[in-house]
C-alpha cells in the first residue's frame, strides 16, 4: 500500500502513481482505466474492453 495525496489538476483533482506501482499492474501512460466507487472506497482497474481500430 502507498499513501498518495490528491492534487489540483485544472478545475479537478487527480492522483499520481509511482512507476514502481504501475509496472507490475501493466499500466502505462494513455491507458484507459475503469473507476468504481463503493462507499468510501475507490476501485481503479485497467479497461480491458478497449476497442482496437484496425486499418
N, C-alpha and C. Protein backbone atom coordinates (compact mmCIF):
# COMPACT_ATOMS: atom_id res chain seq x y z
N UNK A 1 0.84 -1.17 0.00
CA UNK A 1 0.00 0.00 0.00
C UNK A 1 0.89 1.24 0.00
N UNK A 2 0.43 2.28 -0.70
CA UNK A 2 1.15 3.55 -0.73
C UNK A 2 0.19 4.66 -0.35
N UNK A 3 0.70 5.66 0.31
CA UNK A 3 -0.11 6.83 0.66
C UNK A 3 0.13 7.89 -0.41
N UNK A 4 -0.93 8.39 -1.03
CA UNK A 4 -0.84 9.41 -2.08
C UNK A 4 -1.75 10.56 -1.68
N UNK A 5 -1.46 11.76 -2.19
CA UNK A 5 -2.30 12.93 -1.93
C UNK A 5 -3.02 13.33 -3.20
N UNK A 6 -4.24 13.84 -3.06
CA UNK A 6 -4.94 14.41 -4.19
C UNK A 6 -4.28 15.74 -4.54
N UNK A 7 -4.10 15.99 -5.83
CA UNK A 7 -3.50 17.25 -6.28
C UNK A 7 -4.48 17.95 -7.20
N UNK A 8 -4.34 19.25 -7.34
CA UNK A 8 -5.21 20.03 -8.21
C UNK A 8 -4.70 19.90 -9.65
N UNK A 9 -5.64 19.58 -10.56
CA UNK A 9 -5.34 19.48 -11.99
C UNK A 9 -6.42 20.28 -12.70
N UNK A 10 -6.12 21.53 -13.04
CA UNK A 10 -7.14 22.40 -13.62
C UNK A 10 -8.24 22.63 -12.61
N UNK A 11 -9.48 22.35 -13.00
CA UNK A 11 -10.62 22.50 -12.08
C UNK A 11 -10.98 21.19 -11.40
N UNK A 12 -10.12 20.19 -11.52
CA UNK A 12 -10.39 18.86 -10.96
C UNK A 12 -9.31 18.50 -9.96
N UNK A 13 -9.43 17.30 -9.41
CA UNK A 13 -8.41 16.74 -8.54
C UNK A 13 -7.88 15.48 -9.18
N UNK A 14 -6.61 15.17 -8.95
CA UNK A 14 -6.01 13.99 -9.54
C UNK A 14 -5.08 13.32 -8.54
N UNK A 15 -4.58 12.18 -8.93
CA UNK A 15 -3.64 11.43 -8.11
C UNK A 15 -2.52 10.92 -9.02
N UNK A 16 -1.32 10.90 -8.52
CA UNK A 16 -0.20 10.36 -9.29
C UNK A 16 0.19 9.01 -8.69
N UNK A 17 0.75 8.16 -9.55
CA UNK A 17 1.20 6.83 -9.11
C UNK A 17 2.67 6.68 -9.45
N UNK A 18 3.47 6.14 -8.54
CA UNK A 18 4.87 5.90 -8.85
C UNK A 18 4.99 4.78 -9.89
N UNK A 19 6.00 4.87 -10.73
CA UNK A 19 6.23 3.88 -11.78
C UNK A 19 6.36 2.48 -11.17
N UNK A 20 6.95 2.38 -10.01
CA UNK A 20 7.14 1.08 -9.35
C UNK A 20 5.80 0.40 -9.07
N UNK A 21 4.73 1.18 -8.96
CA UNK A 21 3.40 0.63 -8.72
C UNK A 21 2.71 0.30 -10.04
N UNK A 22 2.99 1.06 -11.08
CA UNK A 22 2.31 0.87 -12.36
C UNK A 22 2.85 -0.31 -13.16
N UNK A 23 4.15 -0.52 -13.13
CA UNK A 23 4.76 -1.61 -13.91
C UNK A 23 4.16 -2.97 -13.58
N UNK A 24 4.09 -3.39 -12.32
CA UNK A 24 3.53 -4.72 -12.02
C UNK A 24 2.05 -4.82 -12.40
N UNK A 25 1.35 -3.69 -12.44
CA UNK A 25 -0.07 -3.68 -12.81
C UNK A 25 -0.25 -3.58 -14.33
N UNK A 26 0.87 -3.55 -15.06
CA UNK A 26 0.85 -3.45 -16.52
C UNK A 26 0.09 -2.21 -17.00
N UNK A 27 0.34 -1.08 -16.34
CA UNK A 27 -0.29 0.19 -16.68
C UNK A 27 0.75 1.15 -17.22
N UNK A 28 0.35 1.95 -18.21
CA UNK A 28 1.27 2.92 -18.81
C UNK A 28 0.50 4.17 -19.21
N UNK A 29 1.22 5.22 -19.52
CA UNK A 29 0.64 6.49 -19.94
C UNK A 29 -0.36 6.25 -21.08
N UNK A 30 -1.53 6.82 -20.96
CA UNK A 30 -2.55 6.72 -22.00
C UNK A 30 -3.51 5.56 -21.85
N UNK A 31 -3.23 4.63 -20.95
CA UNK A 31 -4.15 3.51 -20.73
C UNK A 31 -5.48 4.03 -20.20
N UNK A 32 -6.57 3.41 -20.62
CA UNK A 32 -7.88 3.75 -20.10
C UNK A 32 -8.14 2.93 -18.84
N UNK A 33 -8.73 3.58 -17.84
CA UNK A 33 -9.00 2.94 -16.56
C UNK A 33 -10.48 2.96 -16.26
N UNK A 34 -10.97 1.90 -15.62
CA UNK A 34 -12.33 1.88 -15.09
C UNK A 34 -12.25 2.34 -13.65
N UNK A 35 -13.15 3.24 -13.26
CA UNK A 35 -13.17 3.75 -11.90
C UNK A 35 -14.55 3.47 -11.31
N UNK A 36 -14.56 2.84 -10.15
CA UNK A 36 -15.81 2.47 -9.48
C UNK A 36 -15.68 2.89 -8.02
N UNK A 37 -16.77 3.30 -7.43
CA UNK A 37 -16.70 3.61 -6.01
C UNK A 37 -17.76 2.84 -5.25
N UNK A 38 -17.38 2.42 -4.06
CA UNK A 38 -18.27 1.69 -3.15
C UNK A 38 -18.09 2.31 -1.78
N UNK A 39 -19.04 3.13 -1.40
CA UNK A 39 -18.93 3.81 -0.11
C UNK A 39 -17.72 4.74 -0.12
N UNK A 40 -16.80 4.52 0.78
CA UNK A 40 -15.60 5.36 0.86
C UNK A 40 -14.42 4.76 0.10
N UNK A 41 -14.64 3.70 -0.67
CA UNK A 41 -13.55 3.07 -1.43
C UNK A 41 -13.67 3.41 -2.90
N UNK A 42 -12.54 3.62 -3.55
CA UNK A 42 -12.47 3.83 -4.99
C UNK A 42 -11.66 2.68 -5.56
N UNK A 43 -12.22 2.01 -6.56
CA UNK A 43 -11.55 0.88 -7.20
C UNK A 43 -11.16 1.30 -8.61
N UNK A 44 -9.88 1.16 -8.93
CA UNK A 44 -9.36 1.53 -10.24
C UNK A 44 -8.78 0.29 -10.89
N UNK A 45 -9.21 -0.01 -12.12
CA UNK A 45 -8.66 -1.16 -12.84
C UNK A 45 -8.48 -0.80 -14.30
N UNK A 46 -7.59 -1.50 -14.97
CA UNK A 46 -7.34 -1.28 -16.38
C UNK A 46 -8.57 -1.69 -17.18
N UNK A 47 -8.95 -0.86 -18.15
CA UNK A 47 -10.08 -1.15 -19.01
C UNK A 47 -9.66 -2.21 -20.01
N UNK A 48 -10.23 -3.39 -19.90
CA UNK A 48 -9.88 -4.49 -20.81
C UNK A 48 -10.80 -4.52 -22.02
N UNK A 49 -11.76 -3.61 -22.09
CA UNK A 49 -12.71 -3.57 -23.20
C UNK A 49 -12.37 -2.47 -24.19
N UNK A 50 -11.09 -2.19 -24.37
CA UNK A 50 -10.65 -1.15 -25.28
C UNK A 50 -10.85 -1.63 -26.71
N UNK A 51 -11.50 -0.83 -27.52
CA UNK A 51 -11.71 -1.18 -28.93
C UNK A 51 -10.48 -0.80 -29.72
N UNK A 52 -9.90 -1.76 -30.42
CA UNK A 52 -8.72 -1.51 -31.25
C UNK A 52 -9.20 -1.24 -32.67
N UNK A 53 -8.70 -0.18 -33.26
CA UNK A 53 -9.04 0.18 -34.62
C UNK A 53 -8.02 -0.46 -35.55
N UNK A 54 -8.50 -1.32 -36.46
CA UNK A 54 -7.62 -1.97 -37.42
C UNK A 54 -7.76 -1.27 -38.75
N UNK A 55 -6.63 -0.92 -39.33
CA UNK A 55 -6.63 -0.23 -40.63
C UNK A 55 -6.10 -1.14 -41.70
